[in-house]
């Protein structure tokens, strides 16, 4: 079970990036394809430094998402159904992304450090 949880962030991040770069009917932004390629290489080779950089960037983008979410919420003059829906969808998505980025940072910082100590 721990193995699945530690692999989950990269795969979900690939799905999110694919959805962000997709424009109908069938066009994908080449920049997003490059980022997906980097993530696939990270899954294959498990580079610690690149993993930490990707996890940290993922966390920072998630913090930016929280700022955008709160800014969008502040534009409502009154709390109506649309404002509640924005928060009810945005906050759980933000929490999921924070958890996944934290797992990614844990995986490449603490978990690999513990494994290296056990091997010594």
C-alpha atoms as a PDB file:
ATOM      1  CA  UNK A   1       0.000   0.000   0.000  1.00  0.00           C
ATOM      2  CA  UNK A   2       2.844   2.405   0.844  1.00  0.00           C
ATOM      3  CA  UNK A   3       4.357   1.763  -2.583  1.00  0.00           C
ATOM      4  CA  UNK A   4       1.143   2.777  -4.326  1.00  0.00           C
ATOM      5  CA  UNK A   5       0.792   5.956  -2.258  1.00  0.00           C
ATOM      6  CA  UNK A   6       4.384   6.970  -3.008  1.00  0.00           C
ATOM      7  CA  UNK A   7       3.885   6.500  -6.786  1.00  0.00           C
ATOM      8  CA  UNK A   8       0.502   8.246  -6.908  1.00  0.00           C
ATOM      9  CA  UNK A   9       1.602  11.933  -7.084  1.00  0.00           C
ATOM     10  CA  UNK A  10       3.530  11.612 -10.342  1.00  0.00           C
ATOM     11  CA  UNK A  11       0.726   9.768 -12.109  1.00  0.00           C
ATOM     12  CA  UNK A  12      -1.971  12.192 -10.956  1.00  0.00           C
ATOM     13  CA  UNK A  13       0.255  15.119 -11.874  1.00  0.00           C
ATOM     14  CA  UNK A  14       0.614  13.697 -15.395  1.00  0.00           C
ATOM     15  CA  UNK A  15      -3.181  13.484 -15.674  1.00  0.00           C
ATOM     16  CA  UNK A  16      -3.632  17.064 -14.394  1.00  0.00           C
ATOM     17  CA  UNK A  17      -1.008  18.424 -16.785  1.00  0.00           C
ATOM     18  CA  UNK A  18      -2.539  16.518 -19.688  1.00  0.00           C
ATOM     19  CA  UNK A  19      -5.950  17.999 -18.873  1.00  0.00           C
ATOM     20  CA  UNK A  20      -4.477  21.497 -18.510  1.00  0.00           C
ATOM     21  CA  UNK A  21      -2.685  21.320 -21.865  1.00  0.00           C
ATOM     22  CA  UNK A  22      -5.590  19.815 -23.814  1.00  0.00           C
ATOM     23  CA  UNK A  23      -7.688  22.008 -26.102  1.00  0.00           C
ATOM     24  CA  UNK A  24     -10.579  20.495 -28.062  1.00  0.00           C
ATOM     25  CA  UNK A  25     -11.052  18.878 -30.553  1.00  0.00           C
ATOM     26  CA  UNK A  26      -7.571  17.314 -30.250  1.00  0.00           C
ATOM     27  CA  UNK A  27      -4.668  19.590 -29.610  1.00  0.00           C
ATOM     28  CA  UNK A  28      -2.135  19.452 -26.802  1.00  0.00           C
ATOM     29  CA  UNK A  29       0.226  22.286 -25.986  1.00  0.00           C
ATOM     30  CA  UNK A  30       3.841  21.196 -26.726  1.00  0.00           C
ATOM     31  CA  UNK A  31       5.068  22.790 -23.477  1.00  0.00           C
ATOM     32  CA  UNK A  32       2.766  20.537 -21.490  1.00  0.00           C
ATOM     33  CA  UNK A  33       3.939  17.514 -23.494  1.00  0.00           C
ATOM     34  CA  UNK A  34       7.505  18.404 -22.489  1.00  0.00           C
ATOM     35  CA  UNK A  35       6.531  18.591 -18.819  1.00  0.00           C
ATOM     36  CA  UNK A  36       4.769  15.223 -19.118  1.00  0.00           C
ATOM     37  CA  UNK A  37       7.926  13.804 -20.695  1.00  0.00           C
ATOM     38  CA  UNK A  38       9.998  15.063 -17.753  1.00  0.00           C
ATOM     39  CA  UNK A  39       7.570  13.429 -15.306  1.00  0.00           C
ATOM     40  CA  UNK A  40       7.681  10.134 -17.199  1.00  0.00           C
ATOM     41  CA  UNK A  41      11.489  10.214 -17.099  1.00  0.00           C
ATOM     42  CA  UNK A  42      11.265  10.967 -13.368  1.00  0.00           C
ATOM     43  CA  UNK A  43       9.047   7.919 -12.831  1.00  0.00           C
ATOM     44  CA  UNK A  44      11.520   5.730 -14.720  1.00  0.00           C
ATOM     45  CA  UNK A  45      14.830   7.013 -13.322  1.00  0.00           C
ATOM     46  CA  UNK A  46      13.749   8.359  -9.867  1.00  0.00           C
ATOM     47  CA  UNK A  47      16.294  11.170  -9.679  1.00  0.00           C
ATOM     48  CA  UNK A  48      16.288  12.547  -6.104  1.00  0.00           C
ATOM     49  CA  UNK A  49      17.255  16.128  -6.952  1.00  0.00           C
ATOM     50  CA  UNK A  50      14.786  16.455  -9.828  1.00  0.00           C
ATOM     51  CA  UNK A  51      12.113  14.834  -7.641  1.00  0.00           C
ATOM     52  CA  UNK A  52      12.666  17.411  -4.918  1.00  0.00           C
ATOM     53  CA  UNK A  53      12.580  20.242  -7.442  1.00  0.00           C
ATOM     54  CA  UNK A  54       9.363  18.930  -9.025  1.00  0.00           C
ATOM     55  CA  UNK A  55       7.744  18.373  -5.615  1.00  0.00           C
ATOM     56  CA  UNK A  56       8.676  21.859  -4.447  1.00  0.00           C
ATOM     57  CA  UNK A  57       7.461  23.473  -7.675  1.00  0.00           C
ATOM     58  CA  UNK A  58       4.231  21.477  -7.414  1.00  0.00           C
ATOM     59  CA  UNK A  59       3.786  22.774  -3.846  1.00  0.00           C
ATOM     60  CA  UNK A  60       4.467  26.383  -4.881  1.00  0.00           C
ATOM     61  CA  UNK A  61       2.008  26.172  -7.787  1.00  0.00           C
ATOM     62  CA  UNK A  62      -0.541  24.752  -5.348  1.00  0.00           C
ATOM     63  CA  UNK A  63      -0.022  27.747  -3.055  1.00  0.00           C
ATOM     64  CA  UNK A  64      -0.524  30.018  -6.060  1.00  0.00           C
ATOM     65  CA  UNK A  65      -3.754  28.120  -6.790  1.00  0.00           C
ATOM     66  CA  UNK A  66      -4.968  28.883  -3.253  1.00  0.00           C
ATOM     67  CA  UNK A  67      -4.271  32.566  -3.812  1.00  0.00           C
ATOM     68  CA  UNK A  68      -6.170  32.517  -7.103  1.00  0.00           C
ATOM     69  CA  UNK A  69      -9.047  30.661  -5.450  1.00  0.00           C
ATOM     70  CA  UNK A  70      -9.331  33.170  -2.606  1.00  0.00           C
ATOM     71  CA  UNK A  71      -8.986  36.100  -5.008  1.00  0.00           C
ATOM     72  CA  UNK A  72     -11.794  34.726  -7.141  1.00  0.00           C
ATOM     73  CA  UNK A  73     -13.919  34.176  -4.036  1.00  0.00           C
ATOM     74  CA  UNK A  74     -13.353  37.783  -2.913  1.00  0.00           C
ATOM     75  CA  UNK A  75     -14.800  39.037  -6.209  1.00  0.00           C
ATOM     76  CA  UNK A  76     -18.248  37.837  -5.134  1.00  0.00           C
ATOM     77  CA  UNK A  77     -20.226  40.678  -3.556  1.00  0.00           C
ATOM     78  CA  UNK A  78     -22.367  38.220  -1.594  1.00  0.00           C
ATOM     79  CA  UNK A  79     -21.958  34.567  -0.691  1.00  0.00           C
ATOM     80  CA  UNK A  80     -24.353  32.799  -3.061  1.00  0.00           C
ATOM     81  CA  UNK A  81     -24.520  29.304  -4.544  1.00  0.00           C
ATOM     82  CA  UNK A  82     -21.786  30.057  -7.069  1.00  0.00           C
ATOM     83  CA  UNK A  83     -19.423  31.241  -4.340  1.00  0.00           C
ATOM     84  CA  UNK A  84     -20.160  28.170  -2.225  1.00  0.00           C
ATOM     85  CA  UNK A  85     -19.653  25.904  -5.219  1.00  0.00           C
ATOM     86  CA  UNK A  86     -16.313  27.572  -5.937  1.00  0.00           C
ATOM     87  CA  UNK A  87     -15.162  26.844  -2.392  1.00  0.00           C
ATOM     88  CA  UNK A  88     -16.683  23.353  -2.198  1.00  0.00           C
ATOM     89  CA  UNK A  89     -14.800  22.297  -5.326  1.00  0.00           C
ATOM     90  CA  UNK A  90     -11.667  24.402  -4.949  1.00  0.00           C
ATOM     91  CA  UNK A  91     -10.732  23.725  -1.322  1.00  0.00           C
ATOM     92  CA  UNK A  92     -10.841  19.883  -1.554  1.00  0.00           C
ATOM     93  CA  UNK A  93      -8.888  20.048  -4.808  1.00  0.00           C
ATOM     94  CA  UNK A  94      -6.348  22.315  -3.123  1.00  0.00           C
ATOM     95  CA  UNK A  95      -6.072  19.954  -0.130  1.00  0.00           C
ATOM     96  CA  UNK A  96      -5.552  16.984  -2.475  1.00  0.00           C
ATOM     97  CA  UNK A  97      -2.780  18.839  -4.300  1.00  0.00           C
ATOM     98  CA  UNK A  98      -1.067  19.843  -1.037  1.00  0.00           C
ATOM     99  CA  UNK A  99      -1.160  16.237   0.156  1.00  0.00           C
ATOM    100  CA  UNK A 100       0.202  14.946  -3.151  1.00  0.00           C
ATOM    101  CA  UNK A 101       2.998  17.527  -3.284  1.00  0.00           C
ATOM    102  CA  UNK A 102       3.889  16.728   0.337  1.00  0.00           C
ATOM    103  CA  UNK A 103       4.021  13.018  -0.479  1.00  0.00           C
ATOM    104  CA  UNK A 104       6.277  13.796  -3.418  1.00  0.00           C
ATOM    105  CA  UNK A 105       8.632  15.874  -1.267  1.00  0.00           C
ATOM    106  CA  UNK A 106       8.603  13.168   1.436  1.00  0.00           C
ATOM    107  CA  UNK A 107       9.345  10.494  -1.131  1.00  0.00           C
ATOM    108  CA  UNK A 108      12.433  12.181  -2.535  1.00  0.00           C
ATOM    109  CA  UNK A 109      13.745  13.899   0.608  1.00  0.00           C
ATOM    110  CA  UNK A 110      13.011  11.839   3.700  1.00  0.00           C
ATOM    111  CA  UNK A 111      12.127   8.398   2.349  1.00  0.00           C
ATOM    112  CA  UNK A 112      15.191   8.066   0.103  1.00  0.00           C
ATOM    113  CA  UNK A 113      17.402   9.456   2.891  1.00  0.00           C
ATOM    114  CA  UNK A 114      16.110   6.763   5.274  1.00  0.00           C
ATOM    115  CA  UNK A 115      16.671   4.066   2.667  1.00  0.00           C
ATOM    116  CA  UNK A 116      20.246   5.270   2.103  1.00  0.00           C
ATOM    117  CA  UNK A 117      20.932   5.136   5.866  1.00  0.00           C
ATOM    118  CA  UNK A 118      19.585   1.589   6.082  1.00  0.00           C
ATOM    119  CA  UNK A 119      21.833   0.480   3.210  1.00  0.00           C
ATOM    120  CA  UNK A 120      24.960   1.869   4.935  1.00  0.00           C
END
